Amino acid sequence: MVLDEDKNPAIFPTEIVVTAERPDVTIYSNRERKCVVIELTVPSEEIFATASSRKKCKYVELIQDCHDAGWKTQYFAVEVGSRGFTNVTTRSCLTYMGHSNKDIRMGCT
């Protein structure tokens, strides 16, 4: 797992593709050649769709490059509103990662 932080910038895993892009979270398995790219967005709740679209466009080329390199890659733009509301994309991401609905309702503890 690679986390991109302001004080500790991350490099996207070069065993997947070489890129200057820095998604917020990259989880990958060399053995299974699977990769999950997560980009966190914290907009106001009224502009979730706009924020999601903007982030998705930013990583289209990276996701395609991963696919072209033979990696099964899933991308999630996860929106958490500035007032704490989470968009449906958060649930989709957590479900894809194997969390049950009960786990999600309980805060994935």
PDB file of N, CA and C in Angstrom:
ATOM      1  N   MET A   1       0.856  -1.169   0.000  1.00  0.00           N
ATOM      2  CA  MET A   1       0.000   0.000   0.000  1.00  0.00           C
ATOM      3  C   MET A   1       0.901   1.231   0.000  1.00  0.00           C
ATOM      4  N   VAL A   2       0.541   2.190  -0.820  1.00  0.00           N
ATOM      5  CA  VAL A   2       1.277   3.443  -0.926  1.00  0.00           C
ATOM      6  C   VAL A   2       0.313   4.586  -0.590  1.00  0.00           C
ATOM      7  N   LEU A   3       0.710   5.440   0.356  1.00  0.00           N
ATOM      8  CA  LEU A   3      -0.099   6.604   0.736  1.00  0.00           C
ATOM      9  C   LEU A   3       0.653   7.862   0.357  1.00  0.00           C
ATOM     10  N   ASP A   4      -0.007   8.766  -0.324  1.00  0.00           N
ATOM     11  CA  ASP A   4       0.609  10.029  -0.686  1.00  0.00           C
ATOM     12  C   ASP A   4       0.209  11.066   0.341  1.00  0.00           C
ATOM     13  N   GLU A   5       1.196  11.619   1.015  1.00  0.00           N
ATOM     14  CA  GLU A   5       0.946  12.631   2.036  1.00  0.00           C
ATOM     15  C   GLU A   5       1.766  13.869   1.707  1.00  0.00           C
ATOM     16  N   ASP A   6       1.295  15.020   2.134  1.00  0.00           N
ATOM     17  CA  ASP A   6       2.014  16.267   1.849  1.00  0.00           C
ATOM     18  C   ASP A   6       3.453  16.228   2.367  1.00  0.00           C
ATOM     19  N   LYS A   7       3.632  15.766   3.590  1.00  0.00           N
ATOM     20  CA  LYS A   7       4.975  15.755   4.186  1.00  0.00           C
ATOM     21  C   LYS A   7       5.799  14.542   3.760  1.00  0.00           C
ATOM     22  N   ASN A   8       5.144  13.555   3.149  1.00  0.00           N
ATOM     23  CA  ASN A   8       5.832  12.344   2.715  1.00  0.00           C
ATOM     24  C   ASN A   8       5.268  11.919   1.358  1.00  0.00           C
ATOM     25  N   PRO A   9       5.610  12.651   0.289  1.00  0.00           N
ATOM     26  CA  PRO A   9       5.052  12.334  -1.027  1.00  0.00           C
ATOM     27  C   PRO A   9       5.433  10.931  -1.482  1.00  0.00           C
ATOM     28  N   ALA A  10       4.489  10.270  -2.102  1.00  0.00           N
ATOM     29  CA  ALA A  10       4.699   8.893  -2.546  1.00  0.00           C
ATOM     30  C   ALA A  10       4.955   8.845  -4.044  1.00  0.00           C
ATOM     31  N   ILE A  11       5.618   7.782  -4.449  1.00  0.00           N
ATOM     32  CA  ILE A  11       5.825   7.506  -5.866  1.00  0.00           C
ATOM     33  C   ILE A  11       4.923   6.342  -6.220  1.00  0.00           C
ATOM     34  N   PHE A  12       4.163   6.473  -7.308  1.00  0.00           N
ATOM     35  CA  PHE A  12       3.312   5.380  -7.759  1.00  0.00           C
ATOM     36  C   PHE A  12       4.204   4.165  -8.013  1.00  0.00           C
ATOM     37  N   PRO A  13       3.755   2.964  -7.651  1.00  0.00           N
ATOM     38  CA  PRO A  13       4.608   1.769  -7.788  1.00  0.00           C
ATOM     39  C   PRO A  13       5.130   1.581  -9.218  1.00  0.00           C
ATOM     40  N   THR A  14       6.440   1.657  -9.369  1.00  0.00           N
ATOM     41  CA  THR A  14       7.047   1.568 -10.703  1.00  0.00           C
ATOM     42  C   THR A  14       6.936   0.176 -11.306  1.00  0.00           C
ATOM     43  N   GLU A  15       6.647  -0.834 -10.486  1.00  0.00           N
ATOM     44  CA  GLU A  15       6.455  -2.176 -11.042  1.00  0.00           C
ATOM     45  C   GLU A  15       5.129  -2.274 -11.802  1.00  0.00           C
ATOM     46  N   ILE A  16       4.248  -1.306 -11.598  1.00  0.00           N
ATOM     47  CA  ILE A  16       2.983  -1.250 -12.346  1.00  0.00           C
ATOM     48  C   ILE A  16       3.207  -0.412 -13.601  1.00  0.00           C
ATOM     49  N   VAL A  17       3.422   0.882 -13.424  1.00  0.00           N
ATOM     50  CA  VAL A  17       3.777   1.792 -14.521  1.00  0.00           C
ATOM     51  C   VAL A  17       4.605   2.937 -13.946  1.00  0.00           C
ATOM     52  N   VAL A  18       5.355   3.580 -14.803  1.00  0.00           N
ATOM     53  CA  VAL A  18       6.110   4.768 -14.400  1.00  0.00           C
ATOM     54  C   VAL A  18       5.252   5.985 -14.745  1.00  0.00           C
ATOM     55  N   THR A  19       4.982   6.800 -13.739  1.00  0.00           N
ATOM     56  CA  THR A  19       4.123   7.970 -13.909  1.00  0.00           C
ATOM     57  C   THR A  19       4.483   9.028 -12.878  1.00  0.00           C
ATOM     58  N   ALA A  20       4.162  10.247 -13.184  1.00  0.00           N
ATOM     59  CA  ALA A  20       4.340  11.334 -12.220  1.00  0.00           C
ATOM     60  C   ALA A  20       3.090  11.520 -11.361  1.00  0.00           C
ATOM     61  N   GLU A  21       2.000  10.828 -11.717  1.00  0.00           N
ATOM     62  CA  GLU A  21       0.748  10.943 -10.956  1.00  0.00           C
ATOM     63  C   GLU A  21       0.947  10.407  -9.538  1.00  0.00           C
ATOM     64  N   ARG A  22       0.214  11.012  -8.585  1.00  0.00           N
ATOM     65  CA  ARG A  22       0.315  10.615  -7.188  1.00  0.00           C
ATOM     66  C   ARG A  22      -1.076  10.502  -6.571  1.00  0.00           C
ATOM     67  N   PRO A  23      -1.784   9.383  -6.844  1.00  0.00           N
ATOM     68  CA  PRO A  23      -3.086   9.205  -6.190  1.00  0.00           C
ATOM     69  C   PRO A  23      -2.900   9.152  -4.668  1.00  0.00           C
ATOM     70  N   ASP A  24      -3.971   9.455  -3.938  1.00  0.00           N
ATOM     71  CA  ASP A  24      -3.887   9.472  -2.476  1.00  0.00           C
ATOM     72  C   ASP A  24      -3.546   8.103  -1.895  1.00  0.00           C
ATOM     73  N   VAL A  25      -4.162   7.048  -2.425  1.00  0.00           N
ATOM     74  CA  VAL A  25      -3.927   5.690  -1.918  1.00  0.00           C
ATOM     75  C   VAL A  25      -3.801   4.740  -3.108  1.00  0.00           C
ATOM     76  N   THR A  26      -2.797   3.890  -3.059  1.00  0.00           N
ATOM     77  CA  THR A  26      -2.648   2.826  -4.050  1.00  0.00           C
ATOM     78  C   THR A  26      -2.416   1.531  -3.284  1.00  0.00           C
ATOM     79  N   ILE A  27      -3.297   0.571  -3.504  1.00  0.00           N
ATOM     80  CA  ILE A  27      -3.172  -0.753  -2.877  1.00  0.00           C
ATOM     81  C   ILE A  27      -2.976  -1.737  -4.023  1.00  0.00           C
ATOM     82  N   TYR A  28      -1.926  -2.557  -3.930  1.00  0.00           N
ATOM     83  CA  TYR A  28      -1.657  -3.443  -5.056  1.00  0.00           C
ATOM     84  C   TYR A  28      -1.043  -4.766  -4.610  1.00  0.00           C
ATOM     85  N   SER A  29      -1.186  -5.757  -5.483  1.00  0.00           N
ATOM     86  CA  SER A  29      -0.621  -7.083  -5.267  1.00  0.00           C
ATOM     87  C   SER A  29       0.172  -7.473  -6.507  1.00  0.00           C
ATOM     88  N   ASN A  30       1.485  -7.609  -6.353  1.00  0.00           N
ATOM     89  CA  ASN A  30       2.323  -8.043  -7.476  1.00  0.00           C
ATOM     90  C   ASN A  30       1.939  -9.448  -7.922  1.00  0.00           C
ATOM     91  N   ARG A  31       1.653 -10.320  -6.963  1.00  0.00           N
ATOM     92  CA  ARG A  31       1.329 -11.713  -7.281  1.00  0.00           C
ATOM     93  C   ARG A  31       0.062 -11.810  -8.124  1.00  0.00           C
ATOM     94  N   GLU A  32      -0.975 -11.074  -7.743  1.00  0.00           N
ATOM     95  CA  GLU A  32      -2.248 -11.138  -8.460  1.00  0.00           C
ATOM     96  C   GLU A  32      -2.357 -10.099  -9.578  1.00  0.00           C
ATOM     97  N   ARG A  33      -1.392  -9.192  -9.646  1.00  0.00           N
ATOM     98  CA  ARG A  33      -1.403  -8.104 -10.641  1.00  0.00           C
ATOM     99  C   ARG A  33      -2.730  -7.339 -10.583  1.00  0.00           C
ATOM    100  N   LYS A  34      -3.106  -6.987  -9.345  1.00  0.00           N
ATOM    101  CA  LYS A  34      -4.311  -6.199  -9.097  1.00  0.00           C
ATOM    102  C   LYS A  34      -3.907  -4.912  -8.399  1.00  0.00           C
ATOM    103  N   CYS A  35      -4.645  -3.853  -8.719  1.00  0.00           N
ATOM    104  CA  CYS A  35      -4.332  -2.543  -8.167  1.00  0.00           C
ATOM    105  C   CYS A  35      -5.631  -1.787  -7.905  1.00  0.00           C
ATOM    106  N   VAL A  36      -5.701  -1.138  -6.766  1.00  0.00           N
ATOM    107  CA  VAL A  36      -6.827  -0.268  -6.430  1.00  0.00           C
ATOM    108  C   VAL A  36      -6.257   1.131  -6.223  1.00  0.00           C
ATOM    109  N   VAL A  37      -6.796   2.083  -6.963  1.00  0.00           N
ATOM    110  CA  VAL A  37      -6.368   3.479  -6.867  1.00  0.00           C
ATOM    111  C   VAL A  37      -7.518   4.269  -6.248  1.00  0.00           C
ATOM    112  N   ILE A  38      -7.212   4.965  -5.149  1.00  0.00           N
ATOM    113  CA  ILE A  38      -8.234   5.729  -4.435  1.00  0.00           C
ATOM    114  C   ILE A  38      -7.796   7.187  -4.358  1.00  0.00           C
ATOM    115  N   GLU A  39      -8.685   8.060  -4.763  1.00  0.00           N
ATOM    116  CA  GLU A  39      -8.424   9.495  -4.683  1.00  0.00           C
ATOM    117  C   GLU A  39      -9.483  10.115  -3.782  1.00  0.00           C
ATOM    118  N   LEU A  40      -9.045  10.736  -2.715  1.00  0.00           N
ATOM    119  CA  LEU A  40      -9.957  11.357  -1.757  1.00  0.00           C
ATOM    120  C   LEU A  40     -10.260  12.786  -2.190  1.00  0.00           C
ATOM    121  N   THR A  41     -11.524  13.150  -2.118  1.00  0.00           N
ATOM    122  CA  THR A  41     -11.961  14.506  -2.424  1.00  0.00           C
ATOM    123  C   THR A  41     -12.816  14.986  -1.264  1.00  0.00           C
ATOM    124  N   VAL A  42     -12.620  16.225  -0.837  1.00  0.00           N
ATOM    125  CA  VAL A  42     -13.396  16.776   0.272  1.00  0.00           C
ATOM    126  C   VAL A  42     -14.069  18.074  -0.199  1.00  0.00           C
ATOM    127  N   PRO A  43     -15.112  17.930  -1.035  1.00  0.00           N
ATOM    128  CA  PRO A  43     -15.837  19.121  -1.508  1.00  0.00           C
ATOM    129  C   PRO A  43     -17.031  19.410  -0.599  1.00  0.00           C
ATOM    130  N   SER A  44     -17.708  20.501  -0.883  1.00  0.00           N
ATOM    131  CA  SER A  44     -18.989  20.687  -0.212  1.00  0.00           C
ATOM    132  C   SER A  44     -19.952  19.671  -0.829  1.00  0.00           C
ATOM    133  N   GLU A  45     -20.923  19.241  -0.067  1.00  0.00           N
ATOM    134  CA  GLU A  45     -21.841  18.186  -0.508  1.00  0.00           C
ATOM    135  C   GLU A  45     -22.573  18.544  -1.801  1.00  0.00           C
ATOM    136  N   GLU A  46     -22.793  19.818  -2.037  1.00  0.00           N
ATOM    137  CA  GLU A  46     -23.537  20.238  -3.220  1.00  0.00           C
ATOM    138  C   GLU A  46     -22.791  19.980  -4.530  1.00  0.00           C
ATOM    139  N   ILE A  47     -21.491  19.801  -4.476  1.00  0.00           N
ATOM    140  CA  ILE A  47     -20.730  19.622  -5.721  1.00  0.00           C
ATOM    141  C   ILE A  47     -20.025  18.262  -5.794  1.00  0.00           C
ATOM    142  N   PHE A  48     -20.593  17.222  -5.154  1.00  0.00           N
ATOM    143  CA  PHE A  48     -20.006  15.883  -5.219  1.00  0.00           C
ATOM    144  C   PHE A  48     -19.776  15.428  -6.664  1.00  0.00           C
ATOM    145  N   ALA A  49     -20.793  15.571  -7.498  1.00  0.00           N
ATOM    146  CA  ALA A  49     -20.696  15.069  -8.875  1.00  0.00           C
ATOM    147  C   ALA A  49     -19.584  15.780  -9.639  1.00  0.00           C
ATOM    148  N   THR A  50     -19.483  17.075  -9.489  1.00  0.00           N
ATOM    149  CA  THR A  50     -18.437  17.840 -10.180  1.00  0.00           C
ATOM    150  C   THR A  50     -17.050  17.420  -9.704  1.00  0.00           C
ATOM    151  N   ALA A  51     -16.893  17.280  -8.396  1.00  0.00           N
ATOM    152  CA  ALA A  51     -15.596  16.893  -7.831  1.00  0.00           C
ATOM    153  C   ALA A  51     -15.199  15.497  -8.297  1.00  0.00           C
ATOM    154  N   SER A  52     -16.151  14.580  -8.301  1.00  0.00           N
ATOM    155  CA  SER A  52     -15.879  13.211  -8.727  1.00  0.00           C
ATOM    156  C   SER A  52     -15.457  13.171 -10.184  1.00  0.00           C
ATOM    157  N   SER A  53     -16.154  13.898 -11.023  1.00  0.00           N
ATOM    158  CA  SER A  53     -15.844  13.935 -12.451  1.00  0.00           C
ATOM    159  C   SER A  53     -14.452  14.505 -12.691  1.00  0.00           C
ATOM    160  N   ARG A  54     -14.119  15.560 -11.991  1.00  0.00           N
ATOM    161  CA  ARG A  54     -12.800  16.194 -12.136  1.00  0.00           C
ATOM    162  C   ARG A  54     -11.685  15.225 -11.762  1.00  0.00           C
ATOM    163  N   LYS A  55     -11.843  14.522 -10.657  1.00  0.00           N
ATOM    164  CA  LYS A  55     -10.826  13.561 -10.209  1.00  0.00           C
ATOM    165  C   LYS A  55     -10.728  12.384 -11.167  1.00  0.00           C
ATOM    166  N   LYS A  56     -11.883  11.896 -11.649  1.00  0.00           N
ATOM    167  CA  LYS A  56     -11.871  10.764 -12.568  1.00  0.00           C
ATOM    168  C   LYS A  56     -11.103  11.118 -13.843  1.00  0.00           C
ATOM    169  N   CYS A  57     -11.341  12.299 -14.366  1.00  0.00           N
ATOM    170  CA  CYS A  57     -10.643  12.743 -15.583  1.00  0.00           C
ATOM    171  C   CYS A  57      -9.133  12.826 -15.349  1.00  0.00           C
ATOM    172  N   LYS A  58      -8.744  13.213 -14.157  1.00  0.00           N
ATOM    173  CA  LYS A  58      -7.323  13.360 -13.837  1.00  0.00           C
ATOM    174  C   LYS A  58      -6.566  12.038 -13.952  1.00  0.00           C
ATOM    175  N   TYR A  59      -7.246  10.917 -13.665  1.00  0.00           N
ATOM    176  CA  TYR A  59      -6.554   9.630 -13.613  1.00  0.00           C
ATOM    177  C   TYR A  59      -6.925   8.658 -14.730  1.00  0.00           C
ATOM    178  N   VAL A  60      -7.667   9.107 -15.731  1.00  0.00           N
ATOM    179  CA  VAL A  60      -8.067   8.222 -16.828  1.00  0.00           C
ATOM    180  C   VAL A  60      -6.845   7.595 -17.504  1.00  0.00           C
ATOM    181  N   GLU A  61      -5.863   8.403 -17.817  1.00  0.00           N
ATOM    182  CA  GLU A  61      -4.669   7.904 -18.516  1.00  0.00           C
ATOM    183  C   GLU A  61      -3.890   6.918 -17.645  1.00  0.00           C
ATOM    184  N   LEU A  62      -3.739   7.221 -16.369  1.00  0.00           N
ATOM    185  CA  LEU A  62      -3.030   6.309 -15.470  1.00  0.00           C
ATOM    186  C   LEU A  62      -3.730   4.958 -15.390  1.00  0.00           C
ATOM    187  N   ILE A  63      -5.034   4.959 -15.236  1.00  0.00           N
ATOM    188  CA  ILE A  63      -5.786   3.701 -15.138  1.00  0.00           C
ATOM    189  C   ILE A  63      -5.648   2.913 -16.437  1.00  0.00           C
ATOM    190  N   GLN A  64      -5.719   3.585 -17.568  1.00  0.00           N
ATOM    191  CA  GLN A  64      -5.554   2.901 -18.853  1.00  0.00           C
ATOM    192  C   GLN A  64      -4.141   2.331 -18.991  1.00  0.00           C
ATOM    193  N   ASP A  65      -3.140   3.079 -18.560  1.00  0.00           N
ATOM    194  CA  ASP A  65      -1.759   2.588 -18.609  1.00  0.00           C
ATOM    195  C   ASP A  65      -1.590   1.332 -17.749  1.00  0.00           C
ATOM    196  N   CYS A  66      -2.242   1.316 -16.593  1.00  0.00           N
ATOM    197  CA  CYS A  66      -2.179   0.131 -15.719  1.00  0.00           C
ATOM    198  C   CYS A  66      -2.817  -1.070 -16.419  1.00  0.00           C
ATOM    199  N   HIS A  67      -3.982  -0.870 -17.016  1.00  0.00           N
ATOM    200  CA  HIS A  67      -4.654  -1.942 -17.764  1.00  0.00           C
ATOM    201  C   HIS A  67      -3.769  -2.425 -18.910  1.00  0.00           C
ATOM    202  N   ASP A  68      -3.178  -1.492 -19.649  1.00  0.00           N
ATOM    203  CA  ASP A  68      -2.319  -1.847 -20.786  1.00  0.00           C
ATOM    204  C   ASP A  68      -1.094  -2.648 -20.344  1.00  0.00           C
ATOM    205  N   ALA A  69      -0.645  -2.405 -19.108  1.00  0.00           N
ATOM    206  CA  ALA A  69       0.512  -3.124 -18.572  1.00  0.00           C
ATOM    207  C   ALA A  69       0.117  -4.482 -17.986  1.00  0.00           C
ATOM    208  N   GLY A  70      -1.159  -4.835 -18.099  1.00  0.00           N
ATOM    209  CA  GLY A  70      -1.612  -6.142 -17.636  1.00  0.00           C
ATOM    210  C   GLY A  70      -2.082  -6.191 -16.197  1.00  0.00           C
ATOM    211  N   TRP A  71      -2.384  -5.045 -15.621  1.00  0.00           N
ATOM    212  CA  TRP A  71      -2.859  -4.986 -14.247  1.00  0.00           C
ATOM    213  C   TRP A  71      -4.368  -4.776 -14.230  1.00  0.00           C
ATOM    214  N   LYS A  72      -5.066  -5.581 -13.438  1.00  0.00           N
ATOM    215  CA  LYS A  72      -6.496  -5.363 -13.217  1.00  0.00           C
ATOM    216  C   LYS A  72      -6.582  -4.209 -12.222  1.00  0.00           C
ATOM    217  N   THR A  73      -7.101  -3.089 -12.680  1.00  0.00           N
ATOM    218  CA  THR A  73      -7.069  -1.868 -11.870  1.00  0.00           C
ATOM    219  C   THR A  73      -8.466  -1.319 -11.662  1.00  0.00           C
ATOM    220  N   GLN A  74      -8.758  -0.987 -10.425  1.00  0.00           N
ATOM    221  CA  GLN A  74     -10.044  -0.388 -10.071  1.00  0.00           C
ATOM    222  C   GLN A  74      -9.769   0.995  -9.496  1.00  0.00           C
ATOM    223  N   TYR A  75     -10.537   1.979  -9.930  1.00  0.00           N
ATOM    224  CA  TYR A  75     -10.360   3.355  -9.478  1.00  0.00           C
ATOM    225  C   TYR A  75     -11.589   3.818  -8.704  1.00  0.00           C
ATOM    226  N   PHE A  76     -11.345   4.498  -7.599  1.00  0.00           N
ATOM    227  CA  PHE A  76     -12.430   5.087  -6.805  1.00  0.00           C
ATOM    228  C   PHE A  76     -12.084   6.526  -6.466  1.00  0.00           C
ATOM    229  N   ALA A  77     -12.977   7.447  -6.796  1.00  0.00           N
ATOM    230  CA  ALA A  77     -12.892   8.823  -6.309  1.00  0.00           C
ATOM    231  C   ALA A  77     -13.836   8.861  -5.112  1.00  0.00           C
ATOM    232  N   VAL A  78     -13.285   8.927  -3.945  1.00  0.00           N
ATOM    233  CA  VAL A  78     -14.079   8.866  -2.713  1.00  0.00           C
ATOM    234  C   VAL A  78     -14.322  10.283  -2.223  1.00  0.00           C
ATOM    235  N   GLU A  79     -15.599  10.647  -2.132  1.00  0.00           N
ATOM    236  CA  GLU A  79     -15.959  11.981  -1.677  1.00  0.00           C
ATOM    237  C   GLU A  79     -16.463  11.939  -0.247  1.00  0.00           C
ATOM    238  N   VAL A  80     -15.850  12.746   0.580  1.00  0.00           N
ATOM    239  CA  VAL A  80     -16.307  12.956   1.947  1.00  0.00           C
ATOM    240  C   VAL A  80     -16.565  14.443   2.054  1.00  0.00           C
ATOM    241  N   GLY A  81     -17.828  14.797   2.248  1.00  0.00           N
ATOM    242  CA  GLY A  81     -18.203  16.205   2.241  1.00  0.00           C
ATOM    243  C   GLY A  81     -17.563  17.002   3.351  1.00  0.00           C
ATOM    244  N   SER A  82     -17.467  18.278   3.129  1.00  0.00           N
ATOM    245  CA  SER A  82     -16.847  19.167   4.108  1.00  0.00           C
ATOM    246  C   SER A  82     -17.627  19.216   5.424  1.00  0.00           C
ATOM    247  N   ARG A  83     -18.888  18.737   5.396  1.00  0.00           N
ATOM    248  CA  ARG A  83     -19.691  18.662   6.624  1.00  0.00           C
ATOM    249  C   ARG A  83     -19.833  17.224   7.129  1.00  0.00           C
ATOM    250  N   GLY A  84     -19.036  16.292   6.555  1.00  0.00           N
ATOM    251  CA  GLY A  84     -18.993  14.929   7.073  1.00  0.00           C
ATOM    252  C   GLY A  84     -19.821  13.892   6.330  1.00  0.00           C
ATOM    253  N   PHE A  85     -20.652  14.296   5.391  1.00  0.00           N
ATOM    254  CA  PHE A  85     -21.469  13.345   4.638  1.00  0.00           C
ATOM    255  C   PHE A  85     -20.580  12.591   3.650  1.00  0.00           C
ATOM    256  N   THR A  86     -20.767  11.282   3.536  1.00  0.00           N
ATOM    257  CA  THR A  86     -20.007  10.505   2.558  1.00  0.00           C
ATOM    258  C   THR A  86     -20.905  10.156   1.383  1.00  0.00           C
ATOM    259  N   ASN A  87     -20.328  10.189   0.212  1.00  0.00           N
ATOM    260  CA  ASN A  87     -21.058   9.875  -1.008  1.00  0.00           C
ATOM    261  C   ASN A  87     -21.125   8.362  -1.184  1.00  0.00           C
ATOM    262  N   VAL A  88     -21.955   7.898  -2.092  1.00  0.00           N
ATOM    263  CA  VAL A  88     -22.117   6.470  -2.380  1.00  0.00           C
ATOM    264  C   VAL A  88     -20.792   5.835  -2.812  1.00  0.00           C
ATOM    265  N   THR A  89     -19.885   6.632  -3.343  1.00  0.00           N
ATOM    266  CA  THR A  89     -18.600   6.087  -3.774  1.00  0.00           C
ATOM    267  C   THR A  89     -17.794   5.524  -2.609  1.00  0.00           C
ATOM    268  N   THR A  90     -17.970   6.083  -1.434  1.00  0.00           N
ATOM    269  CA  THR A  90     -17.264   5.569  -0.256  1.00  0.00           C
ATOM    270  C   THR A  90     -17.718   4.148   0.038  1.00  0.00           C
ATOM    271  N   ARG A  91     -19.014   3.921   0.024  1.00  0.00           N
ATOM    272  CA  ARG A  91     -19.563   2.575   0.244  1.00  0.00           C
ATOM    273  C   ARG A  91     -19.097   1.619  -0.851  1.00  0.00           C
ATOM    274  N   SER A  92     -19.098   2.065  -2.094  1.00  0.00           N
ATOM    275  CA  SER A  92     -18.656   1.215  -3.207  1.00  0.00           C
ATOM    276  C   SER A  92     -17.200   0.782  -3.019  1.00  0.00           C
ATOM    277  N   CYS A  93     -16.374   1.716  -2.627  1.00  0.00           N
ATOM    278  CA  CYS A  93     -14.958   1.419  -2.408  1.00  0.00           C
ATOM    279  C   CYS A  93     -14.787   0.412  -1.272  1.00  0.00           C
ATOM    280  N   LEU A  94     -15.439   0.654  -0.153  1.00  0.00           N
ATOM    281  CA  LEU A  94     -15.309  -0.241   1.002  1.00  0.00           C
ATOM    282  C   LEU A  94     -15.876  -1.625   0.702  1.00  0.00           C
ATOM    283  N   THR A  95     -16.958  -1.703  -0.045  1.00  0.00           N
ATOM    284  CA  THR A  95     -17.528  -2.992  -0.442  1.00  0.00           C
ATOM    285  C   THR A  95     -16.556  -3.736  -1.350  1.00  0.00           C
ATOM    286  N   TYR A  96     -15.976  -3.032  -2.298  1.00  0.00           N
ATOM    287  CA  TYR A  96     -14.991  -3.649  -3.204  1.00  0.00           C
ATOM    288  C   TYR A  96     -13.805  -4.202  -2.415  1.00  0.00           C
ATOM    289  N   MET A  97     -13.435  -3.503  -1.342  1.00  0.00           N
ATOM    290  CA  MET A  97     -12.299  -3.926  -0.519  1.00  0.00           C
ATOM    291  C   MET A  97     -12.661  -5.067   0.436  1.00  0.00           C
ATOM    292  N   GLY A  98     -13.924  -5.515   0.405  1.00  0.00           N
ATOM    293  CA  GLY A  98     -14.310  -6.690   1.175  1.00  0.00           C
ATOM    294  C   GLY A  98     -15.063  -6.435   2.455  1.00  0.00           C
ATOM    295  N   HIS A  99     -15.416  -5.195   2.729  1.00  0.00           N
ATOM    296  CA  HIS A  99     -16.166  -4.896   3.952  1.00  0.00           C
ATOM    297  C   HIS A  99     -17.653  -5.173   3.741  1.00  0.00           C
ATOM    298  N   SER A 100     -18.273  -5.731   4.748  1.00  0.00           N
ATOM    299  CA  SER A 100     -19.708  -6.010   4.672  1.00  0.00           C
ATOM    300  C   SER A 100     -20.492  -4.731   4.954  1.00  0.00           C
ATOM    301  N   ASN A 101     -21.785  -4.753   4.628  1.00  0.00           N
ATOM    302  CA  ASN A 101     -22.638  -3.601   4.927  1.00  0.00           C
ATOM    303  C   ASN A 101     -22.644  -3.310   6.420  1.00  0.00           C
ATOM    304  N   LYS A 102     -22.629  -4.371   7.226  1.00  0.00           N
ATOM    305  CA  LYS A 102     -22.604  -4.180   8.680  1.00  0.00           C
ATOM    306  C   LYS A 102     -21.317  -3.479   9.098  1.00  0.00           C
ATOM    307  N   ASP A 103     -20.176  -3.916   8.562  1.00  0.00           N
ATOM    308  CA  ASP A 103     -18.903  -3.271   8.863  1.00  0.00           C
ATOM    309  C   ASP A 103     -18.956  -1.785   8.515  1.00  0.00           C
ATOM    310  N   ILE A 104     -19.498  -1.488   7.351  1.00  0.00           N
ATOM    311  CA  ILE A 104     -19.552  -0.112   6.870  1.00  0.00           C
ATOM    312  C   ILE A 104     -20.424   0.747   7.787  1.00  0.00           C
ATOM    313  N   ARG A 105     -21.580   0.216   8.171  1.00  0.00           N
ATOM    314  CA  ARG A 105     -22.472   0.956   9.075  1.00  0.00           C
ATOM    315  C   ARG A 105     -21.808   1.190  10.430  1.00  0.00           C
ATOM    316  N   MET A 106     -20.987   0.243  10.856  1.00  0.00           N
ATOM    317  CA  MET A 106     -20.318   0.350  12.170  1.00  0.00           C
ATOM    318  C   MET A 106     -19.006   1.130  12.091  1.00  0.00           C
ATOM    319  N   GLY A 107     -18.645   1.585  10.908  1.00  0.00           N
ATOM    320  CA  GLY A 107     -17.417   2.368  10.776  1.00  0.00           C
ATOM    321  C   GLY A 107     -16.198   1.523  10.459  1.00  0.00           C
ATOM    322  N   CYS A 108     -16.390   0.309   9.934  1.00  0.00           N
ATOM    323  CA  CYS A 108     -15.284  -0.575   9.539  1.00  0.00           C
ATOM    324  C   CYS A 108     -14.330  -0.853  10.686  1.00  0.00           C
ATOM    325  N   THR A 109     -14.863  -1.038  11.870  1.00  0.00           N
ATOM    326  CA  THR A 109     -13.985  -1.349  13.010  1.00  0.00           C
ATOM    327  C   THR A 109     -13.764  -2.833  13.137  1.00  0.00           C
TER     328      THR A 109
END
